[in-house]
Structure formats: structure tokens, C-alpha cells
Amino acid sequence: MYKMGHEKSAEQPNIRDGPIGAGEAALRDSAGRDRAVRRTRILVAARRLMAEKGVKQTTLADIAREAGISPGTLSDALQQ
């Protein structure tokens, strides 16, 4: 039977108990790869635009658009 709230039952163990499982580790690795791919896309876009338009004429919005991400995602990536 399904229980409401934070009660644990033998039928439905809490998946967060214990060490990191293979599934969680895979998700963390995937997130790391996604971050690396996004960073590479940003750097490639920035270099290309700066070579084409010049450093002073290239905006963060241009880089985000060229990299295929939102300006907010670009801002977050630059802060990491």
C-alpha cells in the first residue's frame, strides 16, 4: 500500500539511502560531460565570433546565440 508523507515502508525503500548507486553516478558523469560539451561550444562560438566581428563588437548575447544556449545559461557557465 502506498503511504503518504515521509514514512518509509519495506515495499518502497528510499533510493537516497546508502552510498551512491550506479544510476546516480552515471547521472553525475553525464552532467559533467554535458558541462564540458557546453563549455566547448561556448569557447568555439566565442573564438569564431571574435575572429569574425572583433573582440569589442562581440556581445555575450551573440556568443549565447551562436552556441545555441540562453544568455542565462552562458552567464551561469562563466561563473563556474
C-alpha atoms as a PDB file:
ATOM      1  CA  MET A   1       0.000   0.000   0.000  1.00  0.00           C
ATOM      2  CA  TYR A   2       1.242   3.480  -0.809  1.00  0.00           C
ATOM      3  CA  LYS A   3       1.907   5.727   2.173  1.00  0.00           C
ATOM      4  CA  MET A   4       1.656   9.489   2.115  1.00  0.00           C
ATOM      5  CA  GLY A   5       4.254  11.754   3.642  1.00  0.00           C
ATOM      6  CA  HIS A   6       7.785  10.921   4.701  1.00  0.00           C
ATOM      7  CA  GLU A   7       7.083   7.471   6.126  1.00  0.00           C
ATOM      8  CA  LYS A   8       9.352   4.684   4.902  1.00  0.00           C
ATOM      9  CA  SER A   9       7.987   1.287   4.064  1.00  0.00           C
ATOM     10  CA  ALA A  10       9.665  -2.020   3.287  1.00  0.00           C
ATOM     11  CA  GLU A  11       7.914  -2.078  -0.102  1.00  0.00           C
ATOM     12  CA  GLN A  12       9.279   1.301  -1.155  1.00  0.00           C
ATOM     13  CA  PRO A  13      12.833   1.861   0.127  1.00  0.00           C
ATOM     14  CA  ASN A  14      14.277   5.323  -0.033  1.00  0.00           C
ATOM     15  CA  ILE A  15      16.642   5.339  -3.038  1.00  0.00           C
ATOM     16  CA  ARG A  16      18.726   8.061  -1.402  1.00  0.00           C
ATOM     17  CA  ASP A  17      19.739   5.800   1.494  1.00  0.00           C
ATOM     18  CA  GLY A  18      23.245   4.391   1.419  1.00  0.00           C
ATOM     19  CA  PRO A  19      26.143   5.061  -0.953  1.00  0.00           C
ATOM     20  CA  ILE A  20      25.749   6.485  -4.427  1.00  0.00           C
ATOM     21  CA  GLY A  21      24.330   3.854  -6.727  1.00  0.00           C
ATOM     22  CA  ALA A  22      25.434   3.229 -10.282  1.00  0.00           C
ATOM     23  CA  GLY A  23      22.471   5.200 -11.601  1.00  0.00           C
ATOM     24  CA  GLU A  24      23.309   8.305  -9.591  1.00  0.00           C
ATOM     25  CA  ALA A  25      26.997   8.048 -10.512  1.00  0.00           C
ATOM     26  CA  ALA A  26      26.053   7.822 -14.195  1.00  0.00           C
ATOM     27  CA  LEU A  27      23.886  10.931 -13.847  1.00  0.00           C
ATOM     28  CA  ARG A  28      26.766  12.834 -12.270  1.00  0.00           C
ATOM     29  CA  ASP A  29      29.139  11.715 -15.047  1.00  0.00           C
ATOM     30  CA  SER A  30      26.558  12.722 -17.640  1.00  0.00           C
ATOM     31  CA  ALA A  31      26.199  16.163 -16.056  1.00  0.00           C
ATOM     32  CA  GLY A  32      29.969  16.588 -16.148  1.00  0.00           C
ATOM     33  CA  ARG A  33      30.091  15.640 -19.819  1.00  0.00           C
ATOM     34  CA  ASP A  34      27.198  17.974 -20.609  1.00  0.00           C
ATOM     35  CA  ARG A  35      29.025  20.797 -18.851  1.00  0.00           C
ATOM     36  CA  ALA A  36      32.226  20.056 -20.803  1.00  0.00           C
ATOM     37  CA  VAL A  37      30.357  19.950 -24.123  1.00  0.00           C
ATOM     38  CA  ARG A  38      28.562  23.222 -23.333  1.00  0.00           C
ATOM     39  CA  ARG A  39      31.870  24.867 -22.363  1.00  0.00           C
ATOM     40  CA  THR A  40      33.479  23.728 -25.621  1.00  0.00           C
ATOM     41  CA  ARG A  41      30.529  25.040 -27.658  1.00  0.00           C
ATOM     42  CA  ILE A  42      30.798  28.392 -25.874  1.00  0.00           C
ATOM     43  CA  LEU A  43      34.552  28.678 -26.472  1.00  0.00           C
ATOM     44  CA  VAL A  44      34.279  27.706 -30.143  1.00  0.00           C
ATOM     45  CA  ALA A  45      31.454  30.209 -30.681  1.00  0.00           C
ATOM     46  CA  ALA A  46      33.327  32.969 -28.854  1.00  0.00           C
ATOM     47  CA  ARG A  47      36.554  32.445 -30.800  1.00  0.00           C
ATOM     48  CA  ARG A  48      34.767  32.330 -34.125  1.00  0.00           C
ATOM     49  CA  LEU A  49      32.689  35.442 -33.463  1.00  0.00           C
ATOM     50  CA  MET A  50      35.635  37.397 -32.090  1.00  0.00           C
ATOM     51  CA  ALA A  51      37.709  36.497 -35.138  1.00  0.00           C
ATOM     52  CA  GLU A  52      34.843  37.484 -37.434  1.00  0.00           C
ATOM     53  CA  LYS A  53      33.483  40.602 -35.692  1.00  0.00           C
ATOM     54  CA  GLY A  54      36.331  41.618 -33.412  1.00  0.00           C
ATOM     55  CA  VAL A  55      36.521  41.413 -29.642  1.00  0.00           C
ATOM     56  CA  LYS A  56      34.840  44.752 -28.952  1.00  0.00           C
ATOM     57  CA  GLN A  57      31.929  44.067 -31.302  1.00  0.00           C
ATOM     58  CA  THR A  58      31.143  40.582 -29.946  1.00  0.00           C
ATOM     59  CA  THR A  59      28.467  40.528 -27.248  1.00  0.00           C
ATOM     60  CA  LEU A  60      27.570  37.796 -24.779  1.00  0.00           C
ATOM     61  CA  ALA A  61      24.179  37.564 -26.478  1.00  0.00           C
ATOM     62  CA  ASP A  62      25.968  36.870 -29.786  1.00  0.00           C
ATOM     63  CA  ILE A  63      28.025  34.109 -28.169  1.00  0.00           C
ATOM     64  CA  ALA A  64      24.980  32.549 -26.497  1.00  0.00           C
ATOM     65  CA  ARG A  65      23.018  32.589 -29.764  1.00  0.00           C
ATOM     66  CA  GLU A  66      25.922  31.071 -31.699  1.00  0.00           C
ATOM     67  CA  ALA A  67      26.462  28.378 -29.042  1.00  0.00           C
ATOM     68  CA  GLY A  68      22.743  27.542 -29.051  1.00  0.00           C
ATOM     69  CA  ILE A  69      22.159  28.380 -25.394  1.00  0.00           C
ATOM     70  CA  SER A  70      20.302  31.078 -23.496  1.00  0.00           C
ATOM     71  CA  PRO A  71      22.145  34.144 -22.183  1.00  0.00           C
ATOM     72  CA  GLY A  72      21.330  32.982 -18.638  1.00  0.00           C
ATOM     73  CA  THR A  73      22.977  29.617 -19.270  1.00  0.00           C
ATOM     74  CA  LEU A  74      26.018  31.416 -20.648  1.00  0.00           C
ATOM     75  CA  SER A  75      26.174  33.591 -17.550  1.00  0.00           C
ATOM     76  CA  ASP A  76      25.959  30.511 -15.304  1.00  0.00           C
ATOM     77  CA  ALA A  77      28.673  28.765 -17.300  1.00  0.00           C
ATOM     78  CA  LEU A  78      31.000  31.752 -16.970  1.00  0.00           C
ATOM     79  CA  GLN A  79      30.582  31.785 -13.197  1.00  0.00           C
ATOM     80  CA  GLN A  80      31.572  28.113 -12.766  1.00  0.00           C
END
